[in-house]
Amino acid sequence: MLINLSNHPYAEWSETQKEAAKPYGKCVDLPFPAIPPDFTDKQTLQLAETYCNKIISMGTELTVHIMGEQTFCFSLISMLINQKITCIASCSARDVVILPDGSKQVRFHFTRFRDYIR
């Protein structure tokens, strides 16, 4: 099973990304938590522990697609890898257009998944 822990629900993925996800099995969304910027290191770690336990309870032969707040992801990915759970990231080409008002328009084009390794 592929657990999608991100702010981008599987239903909104491109057909290219859905096709690339097929080898991992059925995809289940696990919404990414809102992590306040004033969370302490300890609070972030505790939240990662909660999510690790939640993921472990979801079954065996899991792969976790995880993208989001960096410190939370680092902690959770470390925990999951210690449990022998594969974690992957989505890799995208980024197209940026600077608009006349100075704002940026950014489009991401999924390319592939990449394992988190250490």
PDB file of N, CA and C in Angstrom:
ATOM      1  N   MET A   1       0.842  -1.172   0.000  1.00  0.00           N
ATOM      2  CA  MET A   1       0.000   0.000   0.000  1.00  0.00           C
ATOM      3  C   MET A   1       0.891   1.241   0.000  1.00  0.00           C
ATOM      4  N   LEU A   2       0.460   2.256  -0.730  1.00  0.00           N
ATOM      5  CA  LEU A   2       1.137   3.547  -0.751  1.00  0.00           C
ATOM      6  C   LEU A   2       0.326   4.515   0.100  1.00  0.00           C
ATOM      7  N   ILE A   3       0.959   5.082   1.099  1.00  0.00           N
ATOM      8  CA  ILE A   3       0.314   6.098   1.927  1.00  0.00           C
ATOM      9  C   ILE A   3       0.801   7.457   1.434  1.00  0.00           C
ATOM     10  N   ASN A   4      -0.126   8.287   1.034  1.00  0.00           N
ATOM     11  CA  ASN A   4       0.191   9.617   0.535  1.00  0.00           C
ATOM     12  C   ASN A   4       0.047  10.612   1.669  1.00  0.00           C
ATOM     13  N   LEU A   5       1.170  10.974   2.282  1.00  0.00           N
ATOM     14  CA  LEU A   5       1.189  11.954   3.373  1.00  0.00           C
ATOM     15  C   LEU A   5       1.718  13.270   2.799  1.00  0.00           C
ATOM     16  N   SER A   6       0.801  14.035   2.258  1.00  0.00           N
ATOM     17  CA  SER A   6       1.157  15.308   1.623  1.00  0.00           C
ATOM     18  C   SER A   6      -0.084  16.197   1.614  1.00  0.00           C
ATOM     19  N   ASN A   7       0.082  17.399   1.094  1.00  0.00           N
ATOM     20  CA  ASN A   7      -1.054  18.315   0.955  1.00  0.00           C
ATOM     21  C   ASN A   7      -1.723  18.190  -0.409  1.00  0.00           C
ATOM     22  N   HIS A   8      -1.382  17.114  -1.132  1.00  0.00           N
ATOM     23  CA  HIS A   8      -1.901  16.926  -2.487  1.00  0.00           C
ATOM     24  C   HIS A   8      -2.589  15.568  -2.575  1.00  0.00           C
ATOM     25  N   PRO A   9      -3.908  15.556  -2.415  1.00  0.00           N
ATOM     26  CA  PRO A   9      -4.650  14.291  -2.452  1.00  0.00           C
ATOM     27  C   PRO A   9      -4.425  13.529  -3.753  1.00  0.00           C
ATOM     28  N   TYR A  10      -4.432  12.218  -3.636  1.00  0.00           N
ATOM     29  CA  TYR A  10      -4.232  11.334  -4.788  1.00  0.00           C
ATOM     30  C   TYR A  10      -5.176  11.689  -5.940  1.00  0.00           C
ATOM     31  N   ALA A  11      -6.415  12.010  -5.650  1.00  0.00           N
ATOM     32  CA  ALA A  11      -7.403  12.330  -6.692  1.00  0.00           C
ATOM     33  C   ALA A  11      -6.952  13.510  -7.556  1.00  0.00           C
ATOM     34  N   GLU A  12      -6.090  14.370  -7.033  1.00  0.00           N
ATOM     35  CA  GLU A  12      -5.621  15.550  -7.771  1.00  0.00           C
ATOM     36  C   GLU A  12      -4.295  15.317  -8.490  1.00  0.00           C
ATOM     37  N   TRP A  13      -3.710  14.131  -8.348  1.00  0.00           N
ATOM     38  CA  TRP A  13      -2.447  13.840  -9.016  1.00  0.00           C
ATOM     39  C   TRP A  13      -2.658  13.745 -10.523  1.00  0.00           C
ATOM     40  N   SER A  14      -1.596  14.030 -11.265  1.00  0.00           N
ATOM     41  CA  SER A  14      -1.638  13.871 -12.715  1.00  0.00           C
ATOM     42  C   SER A  14      -1.695  12.380 -13.056  1.00  0.00           C
ATOM     43  N   GLU A  15      -2.126  12.080 -14.255  1.00  0.00           N
ATOM     44  CA  GLU A  15      -2.157  10.678 -14.695  1.00  0.00           C
ATOM     45  C   GLU A  15      -0.749  10.087 -14.693  1.00  0.00           C
ATOM     46  N   THR A  16       0.254  10.893 -15.001  1.00  0.00           N
ATOM     47  CA  THR A  16       1.642  10.424 -14.992  1.00  0.00           C
ATOM     48  C   THR A  16       2.048   9.995 -13.588  1.00  0.00           C
ATOM     49  N   GLN A  17       1.682  10.792 -12.587  1.00  0.00           N
ATOM     50  CA  GLN A  17       2.031  10.454 -11.210  1.00  0.00           C
ATOM     51  C   GLN A  17       1.256   9.229 -10.729  1.00  0.00           C
ATOM     52  N   LYS A  18      -0.019   9.149 -11.075  1.00  0.00           N
ATOM     53  CA  LYS A  18      -0.816   7.973 -10.692  1.00  0.00           C
ATOM     54  C   LYS A  18      -0.235   6.704 -11.305  1.00  0.00           C
ATOM     55  N   GLU A  19       0.186   6.800 -12.540  1.00  0.00           N
ATOM     56  CA  GLU A  19       0.774   5.631 -13.206  1.00  0.00           C
ATOM     57  C   GLU A  19       2.078   5.225 -12.517  1.00  0.00           C
ATOM     58  N   ALA A  20       2.888   6.192 -12.142  1.00  0.00           N
ATOM     59  CA  ALA A  20       4.155   5.903 -11.455  1.00  0.00           C
ATOM     60  C   ALA A  20       3.927   5.302 -10.068  1.00  0.00           C
ATOM     61  N   ALA A  21       2.764   5.583  -9.474  1.00  0.00           N
ATOM     62  CA  ALA A  21       2.445   5.079  -8.131  1.00  0.00           C
ATOM     63  C   ALA A  21       1.926   3.640  -8.151  1.00  0.00           C
ATOM     64  N   LYS A  22       1.486   3.151  -9.282  1.00  0.00           N
ATOM     65  CA  LYS A  22       0.864   1.820  -9.358  1.00  0.00           C
ATOM     66  C   LYS A  22       1.709   0.696  -8.764  1.00  0.00           C
ATOM     67  N   PRO A  23       3.029   0.660  -8.994  1.00  0.00           N
ATOM     68  CA  PRO A  23       3.819  -0.446  -8.432  1.00  0.00           C
ATOM     69  C   PRO A  23       3.802  -0.516  -6.903  1.00  0.00           C
ATOM     70  N   TYR A  24       3.430   0.572  -6.249  1.00  0.00           N
ATOM     71  CA  TYR A  24       3.406   0.594  -4.784  1.00  0.00           C
ATOM     72  C   TYR A  24       2.101   0.042  -4.209  1.00  0.00           C
ATOM     73  N   GLY A  25       1.122  -0.209  -5.056  1.00  0.00           N
ATOM     74  CA  GLY A  25      -0.159  -0.729  -4.592  1.00  0.00           C
ATOM     75  C   GLY A  25      -1.197   0.368  -4.458  1.00  0.00           C
ATOM     76  N   LYS A  26      -2.291   0.019  -3.810  1.00  0.00           N
ATOM     77  CA  LYS A  26      -3.387   0.969  -3.597  1.00  0.00           C
ATOM     78  C   LYS A  26      -2.872   2.187  -2.839  1.00  0.00           C
ATOM     79  N   CYS A  27      -3.313   3.379  -3.265  1.00  0.00           N
ATOM     80  CA  CYS A  27      -2.898   4.623  -2.612  1.00  0.00           C
ATOM     81  C   CYS A  27      -3.987   5.095  -1.657  1.00  0.00           C
ATOM     82  N   VAL A  28      -3.566   5.393  -0.423  1.00  0.00           N
ATOM     83  CA  VAL A  28      -4.468   5.901   0.610  1.00  0.00           C
ATOM     84  C   VAL A  28      -3.940   7.254   1.071  1.00  0.00           C
ATOM     85  N   ASP A  29      -4.801   8.263   1.052  1.00  0.00           N
ATOM     86  CA  ASP A  29      -4.403   9.591   1.516  1.00  0.00           C
ATOM     87  C   ASP A  29      -4.393   9.655   3.040  1.00  0.00           C
ATOM     88  N   LEU A  30      -3.345  10.236   3.580  1.00  0.00           N
ATOM     89  CA  LEU A  30      -3.259  10.593   4.991  1.00  0.00           C
ATOM     90  C   LEU A  30      -2.907  12.074   4.993  1.00  0.00           C
ATOM     91  N   PRO A  31      -3.886  12.944   5.233  1.00  0.00           N
ATOM     92  CA  PRO A  31      -3.636  14.385   5.110  1.00  0.00           C
ATOM     93  C   PRO A  31      -2.455  14.844   5.964  1.00  0.00           C
ATOM     94  N   PHE A  32      -1.656  15.718   5.388  1.00  0.00           N
ATOM     95  CA  PHE A  32      -0.489  16.256   6.084  1.00  0.00           C
ATOM     96  C   PHE A  32      -0.976  17.181   7.205  1.00  0.00           C
ATOM     97  N   PRO A  33      -0.375  17.069   8.383  1.00  0.00           N
ATOM     98  CA  PRO A  33      -0.842  17.905   9.501  1.00  0.00           C
ATOM     99  C   PRO A  33      -0.438  19.367   9.335  1.00  0.00           C
ATOM    100  N   ALA A  34      -1.264  20.238   9.870  1.00  0.00           N
ATOM    101  CA  ALA A  34      -0.898  21.657   9.953  1.00  0.00           C
ATOM    102  C   ALA A  34       0.089  21.780  11.112  1.00  0.00           C
ATOM    103  N   ILE A  35       1.267  22.280  10.837  1.00  0.00           N
ATOM    104  CA  ILE A  35       2.312  22.394  11.849  1.00  0.00           C
ATOM    105  C   ILE A  35       2.599  23.879  12.062  1.00  0.00           C
ATOM    106  N   PRO A  36       2.139  24.414  13.183  1.00  0.00           N
ATOM    107  CA  PRO A  36       2.332  25.845  13.433  1.00  0.00           C
ATOM    108  C   PRO A  36       3.820  26.212  13.486  1.00  0.00           C
ATOM    109  N   PRO A  37       4.190  27.370  12.984  1.00  0.00           N
ATOM    110  CA  PRO A  37       5.596  27.769  13.005  1.00  0.00           C
ATOM    111  C   PRO A  37       6.146  27.947  14.418  1.00  0.00           C
ATOM    112  N   ASP A  38       5.270  28.120  15.396  1.00  0.00           N
ATOM    113  CA  ASP A  38       5.747  28.290  16.771  1.00  0.00           C
ATOM    114  C   ASP A  38       5.834  26.973  17.540  1.00  0.00           C
ATOM    115  N   PHE A  39       5.591  25.835  16.873  1.00  0.00           N
ATOM    116  CA  PHE A  39       5.793  24.533  17.513  1.00  0.00           C
ATOM    117  C   PHE A  39       7.248  24.428  17.955  1.00  0.00           C
ATOM    118  N   THR A  40       7.460  23.870  19.136  1.00  0.00           N
ATOM    119  CA  THR A  40       8.824  23.617  19.590  1.00  0.00           C
ATOM    120  C   THR A  40       9.351  22.360  18.902  1.00  0.00           C
ATOM    121  N   ASP A  41      10.657  22.133  19.027  1.00  0.00           N
ATOM    122  CA  ASP A  41      11.251  20.909  18.490  1.00  0.00           C
ATOM    123  C   ASP A  41      10.564  19.685  19.096  1.00  0.00           C
ATOM    124  N   LYS A  42      10.320  19.757  20.407  1.00  0.00           N
ATOM    125  CA  LYS A  42       9.708  18.628  21.096  1.00  0.00           C
ATOM    126  C   LYS A  42       8.295  18.369  20.582  1.00  0.00           C
ATOM    127  N   GLN A  43       7.512  19.415  20.354  1.00  0.00           N
ATOM    128  CA  GLN A  43       6.149  19.237  19.847  1.00  0.00           C
ATOM    129  C   GLN A  43       6.167  18.625  18.441  1.00  0.00           C
ATOM    130  N   THR A  44       7.113  19.067  17.623  1.00  0.00           N
ATOM    131  CA  THR A  44       7.231  18.525  16.271  1.00  0.00           C
ATOM    132  C   THR A  44       7.610  17.050  16.319  1.00  0.00           C
ATOM    133  N   LEU A  45       8.532  16.702  17.199  1.00  0.00           N
ATOM    134  CA  LEU A  45       8.945  15.313  17.360  1.00  0.00           C
ATOM    135  C   LEU A  45       7.786  14.449  17.865  1.00  0.00           C
ATOM    136  N   GLN A  46       7.025  14.971  18.811  1.00  0.00           N
ATOM    137  CA  GLN A  46       5.871  14.225  19.327  1.00  0.00           C
ATOM    138  C   GLN A  46       4.828  13.986  18.236  1.00  0.00           C
ATOM    139  N   LEU A  47       4.615  14.979  17.396  1.00  0.00           N
ATOM    140  CA  LEU A  47       3.674  14.821  16.296  1.00  0.00           C
ATOM    141  C   LEU A  47       4.180  13.765  15.310  1.00  0.00           C
ATOM    142  N   ALA A  48       5.471  13.776  15.050  1.00  0.00           N
ATOM    143  CA  ALA A  48       6.057  12.763  14.160  1.00  0.00           C
ATOM    144  C   ALA A  48       5.877  11.369  14.761  1.00  0.00           C
ATOM    145  N   GLU A  49       6.053  11.237  16.052  1.00  0.00           N
ATOM    146  CA  GLU A  49       5.856   9.942  16.717  1.00  0.00           C
ATOM    147  C   GLU A  49       4.406   9.474  16.586  1.00  0.00           C
ATOM    148  N   THR A  50       3.477  10.403  16.750  1.00  0.00           N
ATOM    149  CA  THR A  50       2.057  10.079  16.595  1.00  0.00           C
ATOM    150  C   THR A  50       1.780   9.569  15.185  1.00  0.00           C
ATOM    151  N   TYR A  51       2.312  10.244  14.176  1.00  0.00           N
ATOM    152  CA  TYR A  51       2.100   9.835  12.793  1.00  0.00           C
ATOM    153  C   TYR A  51       2.800   8.524  12.485  1.00  0.00           C
ATOM    154  N   CYS A  52       3.967   8.309  13.048  1.00  0.00           N
ATOM    155  CA  CYS A  52       4.670   7.044  12.856  1.00  0.00           C
ATOM    156  C   CYS A  52       3.806   5.895  13.365  1.00  0.00           C
ATOM    157  N   ASN A  53       3.272   6.037  14.559  1.00  0.00           N
ATOM    158  CA  ASN A  53       2.412   4.993  15.128  1.00  0.00           C
ATOM    159  C   ASN A  53       1.162   4.779  14.281  1.00  0.00           C
ATOM    160  N   LYS A  54       0.588   5.878  13.791  1.00  0.00           N
ATOM    161  CA  LYS A  54      -0.612   5.786  12.948  1.00  0.00           C
ATOM    162  C   LYS A  54      -0.296   5.015  11.662  1.00  0.00           C
ATOM    163  N   ILE A  55       0.847   5.318  11.051  1.00  0.00           N
ATOM    164  CA  ILE A  55       1.236   4.658   9.802  1.00  0.00           C
ATOM    165  C   ILE A  55       1.503   3.177  10.043  1.00  0.00           C
ATOM    166  N   ILE A  56       2.231   2.863  11.097  1.00  0.00           N
ATOM    167  CA  ILE A  56       2.532   1.465  11.411  1.00  0.00           C
ATOM    168  C   ILE A  56       1.239   0.670  11.592  1.00  0.00           C
ATOM    169  N   SER A  57       0.230   1.296  12.169  1.00  0.00           N
ATOM    170  CA  SER A  57      -1.040   0.600  12.411  1.00  0.00           C
ATOM    171  C   SER A  57      -1.843   0.366  11.130  1.00  0.00           C
ATOM    172  N   MET A  58      -1.418   0.955  10.022  1.00  0.00           N
ATOM    173  CA  MET A  58      -2.170   0.851   8.773  1.00  0.00           C
ATOM    174  C   MET A  58      -1.876  -0.438   8.009  1.00  0.00           C
ATOM    175  N   GLY A  59      -0.910  -1.206   8.461  1.00  0.00           N
ATOM    176  CA  GLY A  59      -0.660  -2.476   7.792  1.00  0.00           C
ATOM    177  C   GLY A  59       0.809  -2.767   7.606  1.00  0.00           C
ATOM    178  N   THR A  60       1.062  -3.754   6.760  1.00  0.00           N
ATOM    179  CA  THR A  60       2.427  -4.157   6.445  1.00  0.00           C
ATOM    180  C   THR A  60       2.696  -3.866   4.979  1.00  0.00           C
ATOM    181  N   GLU A  61       3.933  -4.005   4.576  1.00  0.00           N
ATOM    182  CA  GLU A  61       4.331  -3.748   3.189  1.00  0.00           C
ATOM    183  C   GLU A  61       3.870  -2.369   2.740  1.00  0.00           C
ATOM    184  N   LEU A  62       4.268  -1.379   3.518  1.00  0.00           N
ATOM    185  CA  LEU A  62       3.879   0.005   3.272  1.00  0.00           C
ATOM    186  C   LEU A  62       5.010   0.783   2.602  1.00  0.00           C
ATOM    187  N   THR A  63       4.619   1.721   1.790  1.00  0.00           N
ATOM    188  CA  THR A  63       5.515   2.762   1.289  1.00  0.00           C
ATOM    189  C   THR A  63       4.812   4.071   1.601  1.00  0.00           C
ATOM    190  N   VAL A  64       5.581   5.052   2.069  1.00  0.00           N
ATOM    191  CA  VAL A  64       4.994   6.343   2.424  1.00  0.00           C
ATOM    192  C   VAL A  64       5.550   7.427   1.509  1.00  0.00           C
ATOM    193  N   HIS A  65       4.647   8.072   0.769  1.00  0.00           N
ATOM    194  CA  HIS A  65       4.995   9.258  -0.015  1.00  0.00           C
ATOM    195  C   HIS A  65       4.841  10.435   0.942  1.00  0.00           C
ATOM    196  N   ILE A  66       5.961  11.080   1.269  1.00  0.00           N
ATOM    197  CA  ILE A  66       5.908  12.149   2.263  1.00  0.00           C
ATOM    198  C   ILE A  66       6.589  13.407   1.734  1.00  0.00           C
ATOM    199  N   MET A  67       5.815  14.481   1.737  1.00  0.00           N
ATOM    200  CA  MET A  67       6.287  15.795   1.297  1.00  0.00           C
ATOM    201  C   MET A  67       5.619  16.832   2.189  1.00  0.00           C
ATOM    202  N   GLY A  68       6.413  17.751   2.734  1.00  0.00           N
ATOM    203  CA  GLY A  68       5.834  18.796   3.565  1.00  0.00           C
ATOM    204  C   GLY A  68       6.877  19.484   4.427  1.00  0.00           C
ATOM    205  N   GLU A  69       6.453  19.959   5.574  1.00  0.00           N
ATOM    206  CA  GLU A  69       7.302  20.725   6.487  1.00  0.00           C
ATOM    207  C   GLU A  69       8.562  19.915   6.816  1.00  0.00           C
ATOM    208  N   GLN A  70       9.711  20.539   6.586  1.00  0.00           N
ATOM    209  CA  GLN A  70      10.995  19.846   6.595  1.00  0.00           C
ATOM    210  C   GLN A  70      11.356  19.146   7.904  1.00  0.00           C
ATOM    211  N   THR A  71      11.218  19.807   9.032  1.00  0.00           N
ATOM    212  CA  THR A  71      11.678  19.194  10.284  1.00  0.00           C
ATOM    213  C   THR A  71      10.782  18.028  10.689  1.00  0.00           C
ATOM    214  N   PHE A  72       9.493  18.169  10.476  1.00  0.00           N
ATOM    215  CA  PHE A  72       8.560  17.071  10.730  1.00  0.00           C
ATOM    216  C   PHE A  72       8.891  15.888   9.820  1.00  0.00           C
ATOM    217  N   CYS A  73       9.063  16.166   8.536  1.00  0.00           N
ATOM    218  CA  CYS A  73       9.371  15.098   7.579  1.00  0.00           C
ATOM    219  C   CYS A  73      10.667  14.385   7.955  1.00  0.00           C
ATOM    220  N   PHE A  74      11.695  15.139   8.308  1.00  0.00           N
ATOM    221  CA  PHE A  74      12.976  14.522   8.676  1.00  0.00           C
ATOM    222  C   PHE A  74      12.791  13.557   9.845  1.00  0.00           C
ATOM    223  N   SER A  75      12.097  14.016  10.872  1.00  0.00           N
ATOM    224  CA  SER A  75      11.879  13.161  12.047  1.00  0.00           C
ATOM    225  C   SER A  75      11.064  11.923  11.692  1.00  0.00           C
ATOM    226  N   LEU A  76       9.961  12.124  10.978  1.00  0.00           N
ATOM    227  CA  LEU A  76       9.093  11.008  10.645  1.00  0.00           C
ATOM    228  C   LEU A  76       9.778  10.028   9.702  1.00  0.00           C
ATOM    229  N   ILE A  77      10.450  10.524   8.698  1.00  0.00           N
ATOM    230  CA  ILE A  77      11.151   9.644   7.753  1.00  0.00           C
ATOM    231  C   ILE A  77      12.198   8.816   8.493  1.00  0.00           C
ATOM    232  N   SER A  78      12.941   9.437   9.394  1.00  0.00           N
ATOM    233  CA  SER A  78      13.941   8.703  10.185  1.00  0.00           C
ATOM    234  C   SER A  78      13.284   7.580  10.971  1.00  0.00           C
ATOM    235  N   MET A  79      12.169   7.880  11.612  1.00  0.00           N
ATOM    236  CA  MET A  79      11.455   6.864  12.388  1.00  0.00           C
ATOM    237  C   MET A  79      10.959   5.726  11.503  1.00  0.00           C
ATOM    238  N   LEU A  80      10.379   6.081  10.364  1.00  0.00           N
ATOM    239  CA  LEU A  80       9.825   5.066   9.472  1.00  0.00           C
ATOM    240  C   LEU A  80      10.923   4.185   8.881  1.00  0.00           C
ATOM    241  N   ILE A  81      12.026   4.789   8.479  1.00  0.00           N
ATOM    242  CA  ILE A  81      13.135   4.000   7.948  1.00  0.00           C
ATOM    243  C   ILE A  81      13.658   3.047   9.020  1.00  0.00           C
ATOM    244  N   ASN A  82      13.703   3.497  10.276  1.00  0.00           N
ATOM    245  CA  ASN A  82      14.117   2.608  11.368  1.00  0.00           C
ATOM    246  C   ASN A  82      13.176   1.420  11.519  1.00  0.00           C
ATOM    247  N   GLN A  83      11.924   1.587  11.094  1.00  0.00           N
ATOM    248  CA  GLN A  83      10.932   0.509  11.136  1.00  0.00           C
ATOM    249  C   GLN A  83      10.913  -0.284   9.825  1.00  0.00           C
ATOM    250  N   LYS A  84      11.885  -0.004   8.957  1.00  0.00           N
ATOM    251  CA  LYS A  84      11.999  -0.693   7.660  1.00  0.00           C
ATOM    252  C   LYS A  84      10.839  -0.369   6.716  1.00  0.00           C
ATOM    253  N   ILE A  85      10.310   0.840   6.842  1.00  0.00           N
ATOM    254  CA  ILE A  85       9.239   1.303   5.959  1.00  0.00           C
ATOM    255  C   ILE A  85       9.861   2.240   4.931  1.00  0.00           C
ATOM    256  N   THR A  86       9.645   1.934   3.654  1.00  0.00           N
ATOM    257  CA  THR A  86      10.186   2.744   2.570  1.00  0.00           C
ATOM    258  C   THR A  86       9.454   4.082   2.498  1.00  0.00           C
ATOM    259  N   CYS A  87      10.218   5.150   2.332  1.00  0.00           N
ATOM    260  CA  CYS A  87       9.655   6.495   2.177  1.00  0.00           C
ATOM    261  C   CYS A  87      10.129   7.050   0.839  1.00  0.00           C
ATOM    262  N   ILE A  88       9.204   7.693   0.131  1.00  0.00           N
ATOM    263  CA  ILE A  88       9.526   8.250  -1.177  1.00  0.00           C
ATOM    264  C   ILE A  88       9.093   9.713  -1.271  1.00  0.00           C
ATOM    265  N   ALA A  89       9.759  10.417  -2.172  1.00  0.00           N
ATOM    266  CA  ALA A  89       9.435  11.812  -2.470  1.00  0.00           C
ATOM    267  C   ALA A  89       9.025  11.899  -3.932  1.00  0.00           C
ATOM    268  N   SER A  90       8.174  12.853  -4.242  1.00  0.00           N
ATOM    269  CA  SER A  90       7.850  13.098  -5.642  1.00  0.00           C
ATOM    270  C   SER A  90       8.838  14.127  -6.177  1.00  0.00           C
ATOM    271  N   CYS A  91       9.349  13.866  -7.363  1.00  0.00           N
ATOM    272  CA  CYS A  91      10.319  14.764  -8.002  1.00  0.00           C
ATOM    273  C   CYS A  91       9.625  15.436  -9.180  1.00  0.00           C
ATOM    274  N   SER A  92       9.779  16.736  -9.262  1.00  0.00           N
ATOM    275  CA  SER A  92       9.079  17.504 -10.279  1.00  0.00           C
ATOM    276  C   SER A  92       9.996  18.521 -10.923  1.00  0.00           C
ATOM    277  N   ALA A  93       9.716  18.807 -12.178  1.00  0.00           N
ATOM    278  CA  ALA A  93      10.346  19.936 -12.850  1.00  0.00           C
ATOM    279  C   ALA A  93       9.536  21.171 -12.471  1.00  0.00           C
ATOM    280  N   ARG A  94      10.217  22.256 -12.197  1.00  0.00           N
ATOM    281  CA  ARG A  94       9.555  23.481 -11.739  1.00  0.00           C
ATOM    282  C   ARG A  94       9.676  24.555 -12.810  1.00  0.00           C
ATOM    283  N   ASP A  95       8.542  25.025 -13.294  1.00  0.00           N
ATOM    284  CA  ASP A  95       8.509  26.109 -14.274  1.00  0.00           C
ATOM    285  C   ASP A  95       8.025  27.373 -13.572  1.00  0.00           C
ATOM    286  N   VAL A  96       8.838  28.433 -13.646  1.00  0.00           N
ATOM    287  CA  VAL A  96       8.499  29.688 -12.985  1.00  0.00           C
ATOM    288  C   VAL A  96       8.401  30.788 -14.030  1.00  0.00           C
ATOM    289  N   VAL A  97       7.306  31.551 -13.940  1.00  0.00           N
ATOM    290  CA  VAL A  97       7.119  32.712 -14.796  1.00  0.00           C
ATOM    291  C   VAL A  97       6.947  33.920 -13.884  1.00  0.00           C
ATOM    292  N   ILE A  98       7.743  34.961 -14.114  1.00  0.00           N
ATOM    293  CA  ILE A  98       7.596  36.205 -13.367  1.00  0.00           C
ATOM    294  C   ILE A  98       6.557  37.049 -14.108  1.00  0.00           C
ATOM    295  N   LEU A  99       5.488  37.389 -13.406  1.00  0.00           N
ATOM    296  CA  LEU A  99       4.396  38.160 -13.994  1.00  0.00           C
ATOM    297  C   LEU A  99       4.712  39.652 -13.955  1.00  0.00           C
ATOM    298  N   PRO A 100       4.019  40.458 -14.765  1.00  0.00           N
ATOM    299  CA  PRO A 100       4.299  41.893 -14.826  1.00  0.00           C
ATOM    300  C   PRO A 100       4.239  42.597 -13.468  1.00  0.00           C
ATOM    301  N   ASP A 101       3.399  42.112 -12.551  1.00  0.00           N
ATOM    302  CA  ASP A 101       3.306  42.764 -11.233  1.00  0.00           C
ATOM    303  C   ASP A 101       4.406  42.295 -10.269  1.00  0.00           C
ATOM    304  N   GLY A 102       5.325  41.443 -10.762  1.00  0.00           N
ATOM    305  CA  GLY A 102       6.416  40.959  -9.926  1.00  0.00           C
ATOM    306  C   GLY A 102       6.124  39.654  -9.200  1.00  0.00           C
ATOM    307  N   SER A 103       4.874  39.216  -9.227  1.00  0.00           N
ATOM    308  CA  SER A 103       4.551  37.946  -8.583  1.00  0.00           C
ATOM    309  C   SER A 103       5.024  36.795  -9.473  1.00  0.00           C
ATOM    310  N   LYS A 104       5.084  35.629  -8.877  1.00  0.00           N
ATOM    311  CA  LYS A 104       5.543  34.447  -9.592  1.00  0.00           C
ATOM    312  C   LYS A 104       4.390  33.492  -9.834  1.00  0.00           C
ATOM    313  N   GLN A 105       4.397  32.889 -10.986  1.00  0.00           N
ATOM    314  CA  GLN A 105       3.474  31.801 -11.298  1.00  0.00           C
ATOM    315  C   GLN A 105       4.339  30.545 -11.403  1.00  0.00           C
ATOM    316  N   VAL A 106       4.045  29.561 -10.561  1.00  0.00           N
ATOM    317  CA  VAL A 106       4.863  28.355 -10.509  1.00  0.00           C
ATOM    318  C   VAL A 106       4.012  27.154 -10.891  1.00  0.00           C
ATOM    319  N   ARG A 107       4.540  26.335 -11.778  1.00  0.00           N
ATOM    320  CA  ARG A 107       3.892  25.087 -12.160  1.00  0.00           C
ATOM    321  C   ARG A 107       4.894  23.957 -11.967  1.00  0.00           C
ATOM    322  N   PHE A 108       4.413  22.885 -11.380  1.00  0.00           N
ATOM    323  CA  PHE A 108       5.248  21.714 -11.162  1.00  0.00           C
ATOM    324  C   PHE A 108       4.773  20.610 -12.091  1.00  0.00           C
ATOM    325  N   HIS A 109       5.728  19.917 -12.696  1.00  0.00           N
ATOM    326  CA  HIS A 109       5.425  18.807 -13.593  1.00  0.00           C
ATOM    327  C   HIS A 109       6.103  17.557 -13.032  1.00  0.00           C
ATOM    328  N   PHE A 110       5.282  16.640 -12.510  1.00  0.00           N
ATOM    329  CA  PHE A 110       5.805  15.417 -11.912  1.00  0.00           C
ATOM    330  C   PHE A 110       6.698  14.677 -12.899  1.00  0.00           C
ATOM    331  N   THR A 111       7.822  14.170 -12.367  1.00  0.00           N
ATOM    332  CA  THR A 111       8.760  13.415 -13.182  1.00  0.00           C
ATOM    333  C   THR A 111       8.877  11.973 -12.705  1.00  0.00           C
ATOM    334  N   ARG A 112       9.077  11.788 -11.391  1.00  0.00           N
ATOM    335  CA  ARG A 112       9.286  10.446 -10.857  1.00  0.00           C
ATOM    336  C   ARG A 112       9.214  10.464  -9.343  1.00  0.00           C
ATOM    337  N   PHE A 113       9.258   9.270  -8.734  1.00  0.00           N
ATOM    338  CA  PHE A 113       9.414   9.147  -7.290  1.00  0.00           C
ATOM    339  C   PHE A 113      10.872   8.805  -7.002  1.00  0.00           C
ATOM    340  N   ARG A 114      11.353   9.259  -5.862  1.00  0.00           N
ATOM    341  CA  ARG A 114      12.719   8.957  -5.422  1.00  0.00           C
ATOM    342  C   ARG A 114      12.685   8.520  -3.977  1.00  0.00           C
ATOM    343  N   ASP A 115      13.417   7.448  -3.660  1.00  0.00           N
ATOM    344  CA  ASP A 115      13.503   6.975  -2.277  1.00  0.00           C
ATOM    345  C   ASP A 115      14.281   7.949  -1.404  1.00  0.00           C
ATOM    346  N   TYR A 116      13.815   8.118  -0.177  1.00  0.00           N
ATOM    347  CA  TYR A 116      14.625   8.750   0.855  1.00  0.00           C
ATOM    348  C   TYR A 116      15.585   7.674   1.332  1.00  0.00           C
ATOM    349  N   ILE A 117      16.867   7.962   1.339  1.00  0.00           N
ATOM    350  CA  ILE A 117      17.858   7.000   1.804  1.00  0.00           C
ATOM    351  C   ILE A 117      18.797   7.674   2.788  1.00  0.00           C
ATOM    352  N   ARG A 118      19.446   6.836   3.584  1.00  0.00           N
ATOM    353  CA  ARG A 118      20.478   7.399   4.458  1.00  0.00           C
ATOM    354  C   ARG A 118      21.620   6.438   4.563  1.00  0.00           C
TER     355      ARG A 118
END
